């Protein structure tokens, strides 16, 4: 466990394992502890580096933040870990951060894996019920998490795994100002397809569940079509959190991908 300073915020990060480095970037609201389904298999042969995005876990909350800043936080963590170049894996909002990281810092990106995410090319607005939710007290949000249904994980998700994840989510640490700042960072972010094609030239893996209600599976397919050199794996019966809904399949797909990239670089 370690802490660094990044543009006025204290960022908590950690690392485990030996081998090719992998930088993990978690999604909106959740701390890095939600990487628990992947870490045991990943750290067996790779060095995993993970961190809490601002407003979650043990990282500080800041009133304003951008996706570009969150990507810069990820770079600061990579520097603190002494890593020159890493496989970068992000899910949901973390996938957007990972894509921005790959575009902003391609020389630091060995490969990029984009899970349950999309390329955001237009700014959006937070309004109505969504705005209300982000202004609720944290205890109400925690209560809603406890009432989450295993069915939300997808028709193929193991019930015991979904129930365990619901329990983990109910205990996860975050602040509502931090979560709200993340939400506005997502809303205010936009890039271009031209920039993505030009900058994301490293090996790419795209992972998506076909029952994703947060980021529809069509967005993952569109991202694959945009990046013709990318690989795409779709998990049948998996919702947004395919790490839980299809842990074995998603773990194997990711490990096979980065090990293939490593083998190709070694041969070169």
Protein backbone atom coordinates (compact mmCIF):
# COMPACT_ATOMS: atom_id res chain seq x y z
CA UNK A 1 0.00 0.00 0.00
CA UNK A 2 1.38 3.41 -0.97
CA UNK A 3 0.28 6.99 -1.57
CA UNK A 4 1.39 9.62 -4.08
CA UNK A 5 0.53 13.24 -4.77
CA UNK A 6 -1.00 13.96 -8.17
CA UNK A 7 -2.15 17.49 -9.03
CA UNK A 8 -3.26 18.34 -5.51
CA UNK A 9 -4.75 14.98 -4.57
CA UNK A 10 -3.47 12.06 -2.52
CA UNK A 11 -3.85 8.89 -4.57
CA UNK A 12 -3.77 5.44 -3.00
CA UNK A 13 -2.17 2.65 -5.04
CA UNK A 14 -0.86 -0.86 -4.57
CA UNK A 15 0.94 -3.58 -6.50
CA UNK A 16 1.44 -7.33 -6.31
CA UNK A 17 3.11 -10.06 -8.32
CA UNK A 18 6.06 -10.34 -10.66
CA UNK A 19 6.29 -10.31 -14.43
CA UNK A 20 4.97 -8.06 -17.19
CA UNK A 21 3.28 -5.04 -15.55
CA UNK A 22 -0.46 -4.46 -15.85
CA UNK A 23 -2.09 -1.16 -14.82
CA UNK A 24 -5.72 -1.59 -13.72
CA UNK A 25 -8.22 1.29 -13.84
CA UNK A 26 -11.59 0.82 -12.13
CA UNK A 27 -14.89 2.34 -13.20
CA UNK A 28 -17.22 5.02 -11.86
CA UNK A 29 -17.96 5.04 -8.11
CA UNK A 30 -16.05 1.87 -7.22
CA UNK A 31 -12.64 1.60 -5.55
CA UNK A 32 -9.83 -0.57 -6.85
CA UNK A 33 -10.81 -3.39 -4.48
CA UNK A 34 -13.44 -4.31 -7.10
CA UNK A 35 -10.64 -5.87 -9.17
CA UNK A 36 -10.77 -8.83 -6.77
CA UNK A 37 -12.23 -11.29 -9.38
CA UNK A 38 -9.16 -10.87 -11.63
CA UNK A 39 -6.26 -10.36 -9.23
CA UNK A 40 -5.51 -13.94 -8.09
CA UNK A 41 -4.98 -15.21 -11.64
CA UNK A 42 -3.31 -12.01 -12.84
CA UNK A 43 -0.71 -11.78 -10.08
CA UNK A 44 0.40 -15.39 -10.59
CA UNK A 45 2.54 -14.39 -13.60
CA UNK A 46 2.28 -10.60 -13.88
CA UNK A 47 2.85 -7.53 -11.75
CA UNK A 48 -0.54 -5.91 -11.17
CA UNK A 49 -0.68 -2.21 -10.26
CA UNK A 50 -4.01 -0.78 -9.16
CA UNK A 51 -5.21 2.48 -7.57
CA UNK A 52 -8.30 4.22 -6.24
CA UNK A 53 -9.69 6.91 -8.53
CA UNK A 54 -10.26 10.27 -6.81
CA UNK A 55 -13.29 10.12 -4.55
CA UNK A 56 -13.12 6.36 -3.96
CA UNK A 57 -11.31 4.03 -1.59
CA UNK A 58 -8.42 5.73 0.19
CA UNK A 59 -7.77 8.40 -2.44
CA UNK A 60 -8.70 12.01 -1.79
CA UNK A 61 -11.82 13.70 -3.09
CA UNK A 62 -11.46 16.80 -5.23
CA UNK A 63 -14.30 19.13 -6.21
CA UNK A 64 -13.45 19.18 -9.90
CA UNK A 65 -11.89 16.50 -12.05
CA UNK A 66 -11.62 15.54 -15.71
CA UNK A 67 -11.05 12.26 -17.52
CA UNK A 68 -7.72 13.70 -18.66
CA UNK A 69 -6.77 14.29 -15.01
CA UNK A 70 -7.79 10.77 -14.04
CA UNK A 71 -5.55 9.48 -16.84
CA UNK A 72 -2.74 11.68 -15.51
CA UNK A 73 -3.31 10.13 -12.05
CA UNK A 74 -2.85 6.72 -13.66
CA UNK A 75 0.41 7.89 -15.21
CA UNK A 76 1.60 9.18 -11.82
CA UNK A 77 0.90 5.76 -10.33
CA UNK A 78 2.84 4.07 -13.12
CA UNK A 79 5.76 6.41 -12.45
CA UNK A 80 5.60 5.72 -8.71
CA UNK A 81 5.69 1.99 -9.41
CA UNK A 82 8.82 2.48 -11.51
CA UNK A 83 7.18 1.13 -14.65
CA UNK A 84 8.12 2.49 -18.06
CA UNK A 85 5.47 0.65 -20.08
CA UNK A 86 2.48 -1.47 -19.08
CA UNK A 87 -0.56 -3.28 -20.33
CA UNK A 88 -3.45 -0.95 -19.40
CA UNK A 89 -6.87 -2.43 -18.54
CA UNK A 90 -9.92 -0.31 -17.69
CA UNK A 91 -13.58 -1.14 -17.20
CA UNK A 92 -16.61 1.16 -17.67
CA UNK A 93 -15.44 4.71 -16.80
CA UNK A 94 -12.04 3.12 -16.29
CA UNK A 95 -12.21 1.97 -19.90
CA UNK A 96 -12.69 5.58 -20.96
CA UNK A 97 -9.72 6.58 -18.80
CA UNK A 98 -7.67 3.72 -20.28
CA UNK A 99 -8.50 4.86 -23.82
CA UNK A 100 -7.53 8.44 -22.94
CA UNK A 101 -4.32 7.13 -21.33
CA UNK A 102 -3.47 5.21 -24.51
CA UNK A 103 -4.13 8.30 -26.65
CA UNK A 104 -2.25 10.70 -24.36
CA UNK A 105 0.64 8.39 -23.44
CA UNK A 106 1.01 5.80 -26.21
CA UNK A 107 4.71 5.41 -25.43
CA UNK A 108 3.76 4.11 -21.95
CA UNK A 109 1.09 1.69 -23.20
CA UNK A 110 2.12 -1.84 -24.16
CA UNK A 111 -1.48 -2.79 -24.92
CA UNK A 112 -4.91 -1.49 -23.91
CA UNK A 113 -7.96 -3.50 -22.86
CA UNK A 114 -11.30 -1.68 -22.91
CA UNK A 115 -14.01 -3.41 -20.92
CA UNK A 116 -17.76 -2.61 -20.94
CA UNK A 117 -17.06 0.87 -22.26
CA UNK A 118 -17.39 3.15 -25.28
CA UNK A 119 -15.55 5.92 -27.09
CA UNK A 120 -17.33 9.10 -26.00
CA UNK A 121 -17.38 11.64 -28.84
CA UNK A 122 -19.99 14.07 -27.49
CA UNK A 123 -20.35 15.87 -24.18
CA UNK A 124 -23.53 15.06 -22.28
CA UNK A 125 -25.60 16.63 -19.54
CA UNK A 126 -26.50 15.34 -16.09
CA UNK A 127 -30.10 16.26 -15.29
CA UNK A 128 -33.33 15.11 -13.70
CA UNK A 129 -33.31 11.91 -11.68
CA UNK A 130 -29.64 11.29 -12.40
CA UNK A 131 -28.68 14.64 -10.87
CA UNK A 132 -30.87 13.89 -7.86
CA UNK A 133 -29.14 10.55 -7.27
CA UNK A 134 -25.70 12.18 -7.18
CA UNK A 135 -26.91 14.57 -4.48
CA UNK A 136 -28.34 11.90 -2.18
CA UNK A 137 -26.64 11.10 1.14
CA UNK A 138 -24.22 8.17 0.98
CA UNK A 139 -26.28 6.06 3.41
CA UNK A 140 -29.17 6.00 0.95
CA UNK A 141 -26.88 4.86 -1.89
CA UNK A 142 -25.44 2.14 0.36
CA UNK A 143 -28.98 0.98 1.17
CA UNK A 144 -29.78 0.78 -2.55
CA UNK A 145 -26.67 -1.33 -3.15
CA UNK A 146 -27.78 -3.80 -0.49
CA UNK A 147 -31.09 -4.21 -2.36
CA UNK A 148 -29.41 -4.92 -5.70
CA UNK A 149 -30.59 -8.10 -7.43
CA UNK A 150 -28.32 -10.88 -8.68
CA UNK A 151 -30.36 -10.89 -11.90
CA UNK A 152 -28.81 -7.51 -12.76
CA UNK A 153 -25.51 -9.27 -13.45
CA UNK A 154 -26.95 -11.10 -16.44
CA UNK A 155 -28.80 -14.32 -17.13
CA UNK A 156 -25.60 -16.40 -17.11
CA UNK A 157 -24.09 -14.91 -13.94
CA UNK A 158 -23.60 -17.39 -11.05
CA UNK A 159 -25.96 -16.37 -8.28
CA UNK A 160 -23.43 -16.90 -5.49
CA UNK A 161 -20.83 -14.75 -7.26
CA UNK A 162 -23.37 -11.97 -7.81
CA UNK A 163 -24.48 -12.05 -4.16
CA UNK A 164 -20.86 -11.89 -3.01
CA UNK A 165 -20.22 -8.89 -5.25
CA UNK A 166 -23.32 -7.11 -3.95
CA UNK A 167 -21.96 -7.56 -0.41
CA UNK A 168 -18.55 -6.19 -1.46
CA UNK A 169 -20.18 -3.17 -3.13
CA UNK A 170 -22.22 -2.42 -0.01
CA UNK A 171 -19.00 -2.04 1.99
CA UNK A 172 -16.95 -0.17 -0.62
CA UNK A 173 -15.57 3.25 0.29
CA UNK A 174 -16.37 6.44 -1.64
CA UNK A 175 -17.62 9.97 -1.03
CA UNK A 176 -20.65 11.46 -2.72
CA UNK A 177 -18.77 14.68 -3.70
CA UNK A 178 -16.09 12.46 -5.24
CA UNK A 179 -18.59 10.31 -7.10
CA UNK A 180 -20.42 13.42 -8.28
CA UNK A 181 -17.14 14.88 -9.58
CA UNK A 182 -16.49 11.64 -11.48
CA UNK A 183 -19.96 11.82 -13.04
CA UNK A 184 -19.35 15.35 -14.29
CA UNK A 185 -15.94 14.31 -15.58
CA UNK A 186 -17.66 11.67 -17.71
CA UNK A 187 -20.37 14.09 -18.88
CA UNK A 188 -17.87 16.80 -19.84
CA UNK A 189 -15.50 14.48 -21.71
CA UNK A 190 -15.41 13.99 -25.46
CA UNK A 191 -12.77 12.91 -27.94
CA UNK A 192 -12.85 12.15 -31.67
CA UNK A 193 -12.81 8.98 -33.72
CA UNK A 194 -9.96 10.44 -35.75
CA UNK A 195 -7.82 10.89 -32.62
CA UNK A 196 -8.61 7.35 -31.50
CA UNK A 197 -7.63 5.83 -34.85
CA UNK A 198 -4.46 7.90 -34.98
CA UNK A 199 -3.29 7.36 -31.40
CA UNK A 200 -4.53 3.91 -30.40
CA UNK A 201 -2.15 1.89 -32.55
CA UNK A 202 -0.98 -0.57 -29.90
CA UNK A 203 -2.67 -3.98 -29.52
CA UNK A 204 -6.27 -3.59 -28.33
CA UNK A 205 -8.69 -5.99 -26.66
CA UNK A 206 -12.38 -5.07 -26.29
CA UNK A 207 -14.54 -7.02 -23.82
CA UNK A 208 -18.32 -6.65 -23.42
CA UNK A 209 -21.32 -8.52 -22.04
CA UNK A 210 -24.27 -8.91 -24.40
CA UNK A 211 -26.75 -8.06 -21.61
CA UNK A 212 -25.01 -4.85 -20.51
CA UNK A 213 -27.69 -2.30 -19.56
CA UNK A 214 -25.27 0.47 -18.54
CA UNK A 215 -23.22 0.55 -21.75
CA UNK A 216 -25.15 -1.34 -24.48
CA UNK A 217 -23.22 -4.07 -26.24
CA UNK A 218 -23.58 -2.16 -29.52
CA UNK A 219 -21.10 0.38 -28.13
CA UNK A 220 -18.49 -2.33 -27.72
CA UNK A 221 -19.11 -3.57 -31.24
CA UNK A 222 -18.82 -0.02 -32.59
CA UNK A 223 -15.51 0.42 -30.77
CA UNK A 224 -14.23 -2.79 -32.35
CA UNK A 225 -15.29 -1.57 -35.79
CA UNK A 226 -13.58 1.77 -35.18
CA UNK A 227 -10.29 0.09 -34.27
CA UNK A 228 -9.91 -2.56 -37.01
CA UNK A 229 -6.74 -4.02 -35.48
CA UNK A 230 -8.56 -4.71 -32.20
CA UNK A 231 -9.67 -8.08 -30.87
CA UNK A 232 -13.22 -8.41 -29.56
CA UNK A 233 -14.73 -10.87 -27.10
CA UNK A 234 -18.43 -10.82 -26.19
CA UNK A 235 -19.76 -12.68 -23.17
CA UNK A 236 -23.19 -14.22 -23.62
CA UNK A 237 -25.55 -13.71 -20.70
CA UNK A 238 -23.25 -11.19 -18.96
CA UNK A 239 -24.35 -7.76 -17.80
CA UNK A 240 -22.20 -4.70 -17.19
CA UNK A 241 -20.01 -6.43 -14.62
CA UNK A 242 -18.73 -9.29 -16.76
CA UNK A 243 -15.81 -9.71 -14.33
CA UNK A 244 -18.35 -11.33 -12.01
CA UNK A 245 -20.85 -12.67 -14.54
CA UNK A 246 -18.17 -14.55 -16.48
CA UNK A 247 -15.06 -14.47 -14.34
CA UNK A 248 -13.37 -17.49 -15.89
CA UNK A 249 -14.04 -16.42 -19.48
CA UNK A 250 -13.08 -12.78 -19.06
CA UNK A 251 -9.94 -13.63 -17.08
CA UNK A 252 -8.82 -16.14 -19.71
CA UNK A 253 -9.52 -13.73 -22.57
CA UNK A 254 -7.44 -11.00 -20.94
CA UNK A 255 -4.53 -13.21 -19.89
CA UNK A 256 -4.37 -14.92 -23.29
CA UNK A 257 -4.32 -11.51 -24.96
CA UNK A 258 -1.52 -9.91 -22.94
CA UNK A 259 0.57 -13.08 -23.04
CA UNK A 260 0.22 -13.13 -26.83
CA UNK A 261 1.32 -9.49 -26.96
CA UNK A 262 4.30 -10.27 -24.73
CA UNK A 263 5.27 -13.25 -26.89
CA UNK A 264 5.08 -11.16 -30.06
CA UNK A 265 7.23 -8.40 -28.54
CA UNK A 266 9.73 -10.98 -27.32
CA UNK A 267 9.97 -12.53 -30.76
CA UNK A 268 10.44 -9.10 -32.33
